[in-house]
Amino acid sequence: MSAGPFWSRPAVRRVTEISITMAFWLVWVYLILPLVNLLMWLLGVRLFVDEMLVQGGYVALLAELRTYGLAVLGMSLAMLVWIEWNQRRYGVHNQRLHSPHPLTSFEQAALAGLTVDDLAALQTAQCVVLDFDEQDRLVVRR
């Protein structure tokens, strides 16, 4: 049995859709950036290129790089300690103690408000029309 053409597989289709969506968002951002820069200029926001490259702001950044690095390292260590503490404290509770018992066809039909015959038809049919009656109960149309 063939899985169909390469491009119709769910994983390929999902990756393709995400790629196309991201491409169009990037084009939109590229086209809207001049307007954003104009609005920022009107509001008095100075540009990164002017501050860092033209006026030499990167020198101050390099001088503070050690301080920034230590701050990032400290935050990372705090996050790792917090993760480890949560794993030790709550990790043992992250599992089921017992599996729920499987339902019989009669119990499934009773929960859905159907007859056992309607449930069997639902399980075997390729196309089913479902509806609700006046009391909002599920009805299987054949």
N, C-alpha and C. Protein backbone atom coordinates (compact mmCIF):
# COMPACT_ATOMS: atom_id res chain seq x y z
N MET A 1 0.84 -1.18 0.00
CA MET A 1 0.00 0.00 0.00
C MET A 1 0.88 1.24 0.00
N SER A 2 0.66 2.12 -0.92
CA SER A 2 1.47 3.32 -1.06
C SER A 2 0.98 4.41 -0.11
N ALA A 3 1.91 5.21 0.36
CA ALA A 3 1.57 6.31 1.25
C ALA A 3 1.16 7.55 0.48
N GLY A 4 1.13 7.47 -0.85
CA GLY A 4 0.75 8.61 -1.67
C GLY A 4 1.97 9.41 -2.08
N PRO A 5 1.74 10.46 -2.83
CA PRO A 5 2.86 11.29 -3.28
C PRO A 5 3.60 11.90 -2.10
N PHE A 6 4.85 12.21 -2.32
CA PHE A 6 5.73 12.75 -1.28
C PHE A 6 5.14 14.01 -0.66
N TRP A 7 4.60 14.92 -1.47
CA TRP A 7 4.12 16.22 -0.97
C TRP A 7 2.79 16.12 -0.25
N SER A 8 2.10 14.97 -0.33
CA SER A 8 0.80 14.88 0.34
C SER A 8 0.91 14.22 1.72
N ARG A 9 2.11 13.84 2.12
CA ARG A 9 2.30 13.26 3.45
C ARG A 9 2.14 14.36 4.50
N PRO A 10 1.54 14.04 5.65
CA PRO A 10 1.25 15.07 6.66
C PRO A 10 2.49 15.83 7.14
N ALA A 11 3.59 15.14 7.38
CA ALA A 11 4.78 15.83 7.89
C ALA A 11 5.34 16.80 6.85
N VAL A 12 5.40 16.36 5.60
CA VAL A 12 5.92 17.22 4.53
C VAL A 12 4.99 18.39 4.32
N ARG A 13 3.70 18.12 4.35
CA ARG A 13 2.72 19.19 4.16
C ARG A 13 2.82 20.23 5.27
N ARG A 14 2.99 19.78 6.50
CA ARG A 14 3.09 20.71 7.63
C ARG A 14 4.35 21.56 7.51
N VAL A 15 5.48 20.94 7.19
CA VAL A 15 6.73 21.69 7.04
C VAL A 15 6.60 22.71 5.91
N THR A 16 5.98 22.30 4.81
CA THR A 16 5.79 23.20 3.67
C THR A 16 4.92 24.39 4.06
N GLU A 17 3.82 24.13 4.75
CA GLU A 17 2.92 25.22 5.16
C GLU A 17 3.62 26.19 6.11
N ILE A 18 4.38 25.66 7.05
CA ILE A 18 5.10 26.52 7.99
C ILE A 18 6.16 27.33 7.27
N SER A 19 6.86 26.71 6.32
CA SER A 19 7.90 27.42 5.57
C SER A 19 7.30 28.55 4.74
N ILE A 20 6.21 28.28 4.06
CA ILE A 20 5.57 29.32 3.25
C ILE A 20 5.07 30.45 4.14
N THR A 21 4.45 30.10 5.26
CA THR A 21 3.96 31.13 6.18
C THR A 21 5.10 32.00 6.70
N MET A 22 6.21 31.37 7.11
CA MET A 22 7.35 32.13 7.59
C MET A 22 7.94 33.02 6.49
N ALA A 23 8.00 32.51 5.27
CA ALA A 23 8.53 33.31 4.16
C ALA A 23 7.69 34.56 3.94
N PHE A 24 6.38 34.41 3.95
CA PHE A 24 5.53 35.58 3.75
C PHE A 24 5.60 36.54 4.92
N TRP A 25 5.73 36.03 6.16
CA TRP A 25 5.89 36.93 7.30
C TRP A 25 7.21 37.70 7.19
N LEU A 26 8.28 37.04 6.74
CA LEU A 26 9.56 37.74 6.57
C LEU A 26 9.47 38.81 5.50
N VAL A 27 8.78 38.53 4.40
CA VAL A 27 8.59 39.53 3.35
C VAL A 27 7.79 40.70 3.91
N TRP A 28 6.74 40.41 4.68
CA TRP A 28 5.93 41.47 5.25
C TRP A 28 6.77 42.34 6.18
N VAL A 29 7.58 41.72 7.04
CA VAL A 29 8.42 42.48 7.96
C VAL A 29 9.41 43.33 7.17
N TYR A 30 10.01 42.76 6.12
CA TYR A 30 10.96 43.51 5.31
C TYR A 30 10.29 44.73 4.67
N LEU A 31 9.06 44.57 4.23
CA LEU A 31 8.36 45.68 3.58
C LEU A 31 7.88 46.73 4.57
N ILE A 32 7.61 46.35 5.81
CA ILE A 32 7.08 47.29 6.80
C ILE A 32 8.18 48.01 7.58
N LEU A 33 9.43 47.50 7.53
CA LEU A 33 10.52 48.10 8.31
C LEU A 33 10.76 49.59 8.01
N PRO A 34 10.71 50.05 6.75
CA PRO A 34 10.90 51.49 6.55
C PRO A 34 9.86 52.35 7.27
N LEU A 35 8.62 51.88 7.31
CA LEU A 35 7.59 52.62 8.02
C LEU A 35 7.86 52.62 9.52
N VAL A 36 8.29 51.49 10.05
CA VAL A 36 8.63 51.42 11.48
C VAL A 36 9.80 52.35 11.80
N ASN A 37 10.82 52.37 10.94
CA ASN A 37 11.96 53.27 11.16
C ASN A 37 11.53 54.72 11.11
N LEU A 38 10.64 55.08 10.19
CA LEU A 38 10.14 56.44 10.10
C LEU A 38 9.40 56.84 11.38
N LEU A 39 8.52 55.95 11.86
CA LEU A 39 7.79 56.24 13.09
C LEU A 39 8.74 56.37 14.28
N MET A 40 9.75 55.50 14.36
CA MET A 40 10.71 55.59 15.46
C MET A 40 11.51 56.89 15.37
N TRP A 41 11.88 57.31 14.16
CA TRP A 41 12.63 58.55 13.98
C TRP A 41 11.78 59.75 14.40
N LEU A 42 10.48 59.73 14.02
CA LEU A 42 9.58 60.81 14.41
C LEU A 42 9.40 60.87 15.93
N LEU A 43 9.48 59.72 16.61
CA LEU A 43 9.31 59.68 18.05
C LEU A 43 10.62 59.95 18.79
N GLY A 44 11.73 60.11 18.06
CA GLY A 44 13.00 60.46 18.68
C GLY A 44 13.87 59.27 19.05
N VAL A 45 13.55 58.10 18.55
CA VAL A 45 14.36 56.92 18.86
C VAL A 45 15.57 56.92 17.93
N ARG A 46 16.74 56.78 18.52
CA ARG A 46 17.96 56.75 17.72
C ARG A 46 18.20 55.33 17.20
N LEU A 47 18.81 55.23 16.07
CA LEU A 47 19.02 53.94 15.43
C LEU A 47 20.23 53.21 15.99
N PHE A 48 20.18 51.91 15.99
CA PHE A 48 21.26 51.07 16.49
C PHE A 48 22.56 51.30 15.72
N VAL A 49 22.46 51.41 14.41
CA VAL A 49 23.67 51.59 13.58
C VAL A 49 24.37 52.89 13.96
N ASP A 50 23.61 53.97 14.14
CA ASP A 50 24.22 55.25 14.52
C ASP A 50 24.90 55.17 15.88
N GLU A 51 24.23 54.59 16.84
CA GLU A 51 24.75 54.55 18.21
C GLU A 51 25.95 53.62 18.34
N MET A 52 25.87 52.44 17.75
CA MET A 52 26.89 51.42 17.99
C MET A 52 28.08 51.54 17.04
N LEU A 53 27.83 51.79 15.77
CA LEU A 53 28.92 51.76 14.79
C LEU A 53 29.49 53.14 14.51
N VAL A 54 28.63 54.11 14.23
CA VAL A 54 29.12 55.43 13.85
C VAL A 54 29.72 56.16 15.04
N GLN A 55 29.05 56.11 16.18
CA GLN A 55 29.52 56.86 17.35
C GLN A 55 30.40 56.02 18.29
N GLY A 56 30.70 54.78 17.92
CA GLY A 56 31.62 53.97 18.71
C GLY A 56 31.04 53.38 19.97
N GLY A 57 29.76 53.11 20.01
CA GLY A 57 29.13 52.53 21.20
C GLY A 57 29.56 51.11 21.49
N TYR A 58 30.14 50.45 20.49
CA TYR A 58 30.59 49.08 20.70
C TYR A 58 31.74 49.01 21.69
N VAL A 59 32.50 50.10 21.84
CA VAL A 59 33.60 50.11 22.80
C VAL A 59 33.05 49.97 24.22
N ALA A 60 31.99 50.69 24.51
CA ALA A 60 31.36 50.58 25.83
C ALA A 60 30.76 49.18 26.02
N LEU A 61 30.21 48.62 24.94
CA LEU A 61 29.66 47.26 25.03
C LEU A 61 30.75 46.26 25.36
N LEU A 62 31.89 46.36 24.71
CA LEU A 62 33.00 45.45 24.99
C LEU A 62 33.50 45.60 26.42
N ALA A 63 33.47 46.83 26.95
CA ALA A 63 33.91 47.06 28.32
C ALA A 63 32.94 46.39 29.31
N GLU A 64 31.67 46.34 28.98
CA GLU A 64 30.66 45.76 29.87
C GLU A 64 30.36 44.30 29.56
N LEU A 65 31.02 43.74 28.57
CA LEU A 65 30.73 42.38 28.15
C LEU A 65 30.97 41.37 29.28
N ARG A 66 32.00 41.57 30.09
CA ARG A 66 32.27 40.67 31.20
C ARG A 66 31.13 40.70 32.21
N THR A 67 30.66 41.90 32.53
CA THR A 67 29.55 42.03 33.48
C THR A 67 28.29 41.37 32.93
N TYR A 68 28.00 41.61 31.65
CA TYR A 68 26.83 40.99 31.03
C TYR A 68 26.96 39.47 31.03
N GLY A 69 28.13 38.98 30.71
CA GLY A 69 28.37 37.53 30.69
C GLY A 69 28.16 36.90 32.05
N LEU A 70 28.66 37.56 33.10
CA LEU A 70 28.46 37.04 34.45
C LEU A 70 26.98 37.06 34.85
N ALA A 71 26.26 38.10 34.42
CA ALA A 71 24.83 38.15 34.72
C ALA A 71 24.08 37.01 34.03
N VAL A 72 24.41 36.76 32.76
CA VAL A 72 23.76 35.67 32.02
C VAL A 72 24.12 34.33 32.64
N LEU A 73 25.38 34.14 33.03
CA LEU A 73 25.81 32.91 33.68
C LEU A 73 25.06 32.71 35.00
N GLY A 74 24.93 33.77 35.78
CA GLY A 74 24.20 33.67 37.05
C GLY A 74 22.74 33.30 36.84
N MET A 75 22.09 33.91 35.87
CA MET A 75 20.70 33.57 35.59
C MET A 75 20.57 32.13 35.12
N SER A 76 21.52 31.67 34.29
CA SER A 76 21.48 30.29 33.80
C SER A 76 21.66 29.31 34.95
N LEU A 77 22.60 29.59 35.84
CA LEU A 77 22.81 28.71 36.99
C LEU A 77 21.59 28.67 37.89
N ALA A 78 20.96 29.83 38.11
CA ALA A 78 19.75 29.87 38.93
C ALA A 78 18.64 29.04 38.28
N MET A 79 18.51 29.13 36.96
CA MET A 79 17.49 28.36 36.25
C MET A 79 17.78 26.86 36.36
N LEU A 80 19.05 26.47 36.21
CA LEU A 80 19.41 25.05 36.31
C LEU A 80 19.15 24.51 37.72
N VAL A 81 19.46 25.30 38.75
CA VAL A 81 19.19 24.88 40.13
C VAL A 81 17.69 24.73 40.33
N TRP A 82 16.92 25.66 39.82
CA TRP A 82 15.46 25.59 39.95
C TRP A 82 14.90 24.36 39.25
N ILE A 83 15.40 24.05 38.04
CA ILE A 83 14.94 22.87 37.31
C ILE A 83 15.28 21.60 38.08
N GLU A 84 16.50 21.52 38.58
CA GLU A 84 16.93 20.34 39.35
C GLU A 84 16.08 20.18 40.60
N TRP A 85 15.81 21.27 41.31
CA TRP A 85 14.99 21.21 42.51
C TRP A 85 13.58 20.71 42.17
N ASN A 86 13.00 21.22 41.09
CA ASN A 86 11.66 20.78 40.69
C ASN A 86 11.66 19.31 40.31
N GLN A 87 12.71 18.85 39.62
CA GLN A 87 12.77 17.44 39.24
C GLN A 87 12.83 16.55 40.48
N ARG A 88 13.65 16.94 41.46
CA ARG A 88 13.77 16.13 42.67
C ARG A 88 12.50 16.22 43.53
N ARG A 89 11.90 17.39 43.58
CA ARG A 89 10.73 17.59 44.44
C ARG A 89 9.46 17.01 43.85
N TYR A 90 9.22 17.25 42.55
CA TYR A 90 7.96 16.85 41.93
C TYR A 90 8.10 15.74 40.91
N GLY A 91 9.31 15.35 40.56
CA GLY A 91 9.52 14.36 39.52
C GLY A 91 8.90 13.01 39.82
N VAL A 92 8.87 12.62 41.10
CA VAL A 92 8.31 11.32 41.44
C VAL A 92 6.80 11.29 41.28
N HIS A 93 6.16 12.43 41.22
CA HIS A 93 4.70 12.50 41.09
C HIS A 93 4.25 12.60 39.64
N ASN A 94 5.19 12.55 38.73
CA ASN A 94 4.86 12.74 37.31
C ASN A 94 4.60 11.41 36.63
N GLN A 95 3.82 10.54 37.25
CA GLN A 95 3.49 9.26 36.64
C GLN A 95 2.16 8.78 37.18
N ARG A 96 1.50 7.95 36.40
CA ARG A 96 0.23 7.38 36.84
C ARG A 96 0.50 6.20 37.77
N LEU A 97 -0.32 6.10 38.79
CA LEU A 97 -0.16 4.99 39.71
C LEU A 97 -0.78 3.72 39.16
N HIS A 98 -1.87 3.85 38.42
CA HIS A 98 -2.51 2.69 37.82
C HIS A 98 -3.23 3.14 36.55
N SER A 99 -3.37 2.23 35.63
CA SER A 99 -4.06 2.53 34.37
C SER A 99 -5.56 2.38 34.57
N PRO A 100 -6.34 3.23 33.92
CA PRO A 100 -7.79 3.05 34.02
C PRO A 100 -8.20 1.76 33.31
N HIS A 101 -9.25 1.13 33.79
CA HIS A 101 -9.69 -0.11 33.15
C HIS A 101 -10.35 0.20 31.80
N PRO A 102 -10.19 -0.69 30.83
CA PRO A 102 -10.81 -0.45 29.53
C PRO A 102 -12.33 -0.57 29.60
N LEU A 103 -13.00 0.24 28.79
CA LEU A 103 -14.45 0.23 28.77
C LEU A 103 -14.96 -0.83 27.80
N THR A 104 -16.06 -1.43 28.14
CA THR A 104 -16.70 -2.36 27.21
C THR A 104 -17.53 -1.56 26.22
N SER A 105 -17.95 -2.22 25.16
CA SER A 105 -18.80 -1.54 24.16
C SER A 105 -20.09 -1.07 24.78
N PHE A 106 -20.65 -1.85 25.69
CA PHE A 106 -21.89 -1.46 26.35
C PHE A 106 -21.69 -0.18 27.17
N GLU A 107 -20.56 -0.08 27.90
CA GLU A 107 -20.28 1.11 28.71
C GLU A 107 -20.04 2.33 27.83
N GLN A 108 -19.32 2.14 26.71
CA GLN A 108 -19.08 3.25 25.78
C GLN A 108 -20.39 3.76 25.19
N ALA A 109 -21.26 2.83 24.79
CA ALA A 109 -22.54 3.22 24.22
C ALA A 109 -23.39 3.95 25.25
N ALA A 110 -23.38 3.46 26.48
CA ALA A 110 -24.18 4.11 27.53
C ALA A 110 -23.67 5.52 27.81
N LEU A 111 -22.35 5.72 27.82
CA LEU A 111 -21.80 7.05 28.07
C LEU A 111 -22.16 8.02 26.95
N ALA A 112 -22.21 7.54 25.70
CA ALA A 112 -22.52 8.39 24.56
C ALA A 112 -24.01 8.53 24.34
N GLY A 113 -24.81 7.76 25.05
CA GLY A 113 -26.26 7.81 24.86
C GLY A 113 -26.69 7.12 23.57
N LEU A 114 -25.97 6.09 23.18
CA LEU A 114 -26.25 5.36 21.96
C LEU A 114 -26.59 3.92 22.28
N THR A 115 -27.09 3.22 21.28
CA THR A 115 -27.28 1.79 21.43
C THR A 115 -25.98 1.10 21.03
N VAL A 116 -25.84 -0.15 21.40
CA VAL A 116 -24.64 -0.89 21.05
C VAL A 116 -24.54 -1.05 19.54
N ASP A 117 -25.69 -1.18 18.85
CA ASP A 117 -25.68 -1.29 17.38
C ASP A 117 -25.18 0.01 16.73
N ASP A 118 -25.63 1.15 17.26
CA ASP A 118 -25.16 2.43 16.72
C ASP A 118 -23.65 2.59 16.94
N LEU A 119 -23.16 2.19 18.09
CA LEU A 119 -21.73 2.27 18.37
C LEU A 119 -20.94 1.38 17.42
N ALA A 120 -21.45 0.17 17.16
CA ALA A 120 -20.77 -0.74 16.23
C ALA A 120 -20.76 -0.13 14.82
N ALA A 121 -21.86 0.53 14.44
CA ALA A 121 -21.91 1.17 13.13
C ALA A 121 -20.89 2.31 13.05
N LEU A 122 -20.75 3.06 14.12
CA LEU A 122 -19.77 4.15 14.15
C LEU A 122 -18.35 3.62 14.03
N GLN A 123 -18.07 2.50 14.67
CA GLN A 123 -16.72 1.95 14.67
C GLN A 123 -16.33 1.34 13.34
N THR A 124 -17.29 0.88 12.57
CA THR A 124 -16.97 0.21 11.31
C THR A 124 -17.19 1.08 10.09
N ALA A 125 -17.98 2.12 10.20
CA ALA A 125 -18.33 2.94 9.04
C ALA A 125 -17.18 3.86 8.65
N GLN A 126 -17.06 4.12 7.35
CA GLN A 126 -16.07 5.08 6.86
C GLN A 126 -16.63 6.49 6.82
N CYS A 127 -17.94 6.61 6.66
CA CYS A 127 -18.59 7.92 6.61
C CYS A 127 -19.84 7.85 7.47
N VAL A 128 -19.94 8.74 8.44
CA VAL A 128 -21.05 8.73 9.38
C VAL A 128 -21.61 10.14 9.50
N VAL A 129 -22.92 10.25 9.55
CA VAL A 129 -23.56 11.54 9.77
C VAL A 129 -24.13 11.52 11.18
N LEU A 130 -23.67 12.46 11.99
CA LEU A 130 -24.14 12.58 13.37
C LEU A 130 -25.03 13.80 13.49
N ASP A 131 -26.02 13.69 14.38
CA ASP A 131 -26.95 14.80 14.59
C ASP A 131 -27.37 14.77 16.05
N PHE A 132 -28.11 15.77 16.47
CA PHE A 132 -28.64 15.82 17.82
C PHE A 132 -30.15 15.92 17.75
N ASP A 133 -30.85 15.24 18.67
CA ASP A 133 -32.30 15.33 18.69
C ASP A 133 -32.74 16.52 19.54
N GLU A 134 -34.04 16.59 19.83
CA GLU A 134 -34.58 17.73 20.57
C GLU A 134 -34.07 17.81 22.00
N GLN A 135 -33.67 16.67 22.57
CA GLN A 135 -33.15 16.65 23.94
C GLN A 135 -31.62 16.72 23.96
N ASP A 136 -31.00 17.11 22.85
CA ASP A 136 -29.55 17.23 22.72
C ASP A 136 -28.82 15.91 22.95
N ARG A 137 -29.44 14.83 22.53
CA ARG A 137 -28.78 13.53 22.56
C ARG A 137 -28.24 13.22 21.18
N LEU A 138 -27.13 12.50 21.15
CA LEU A 138 -26.48 12.16 19.89
C LEU A 138 -27.31 11.14 19.13
N VAL A 139 -27.49 11.41 17.82
CA VAL A 139 -28.26 10.50 16.96
C VAL A 139 -27.37 10.18 15.76
N VAL A 140 -27.30 8.89 15.40
CA VAL A 140 -26.53 8.45 14.24
C VAL A 140 -27.48 8.30 13.08
N ARG A 141 -27.22 9.06 12.01
CA ARG A 141 -28.02 8.97 10.78
C ARG A 141 -27.31 8.03 9.83
N ARG A 142 -28.03 7.08 9.29
CA ARG A 142 -27.39 6.10 8.37
C ARG A 142 -27.77 6.38 6.95
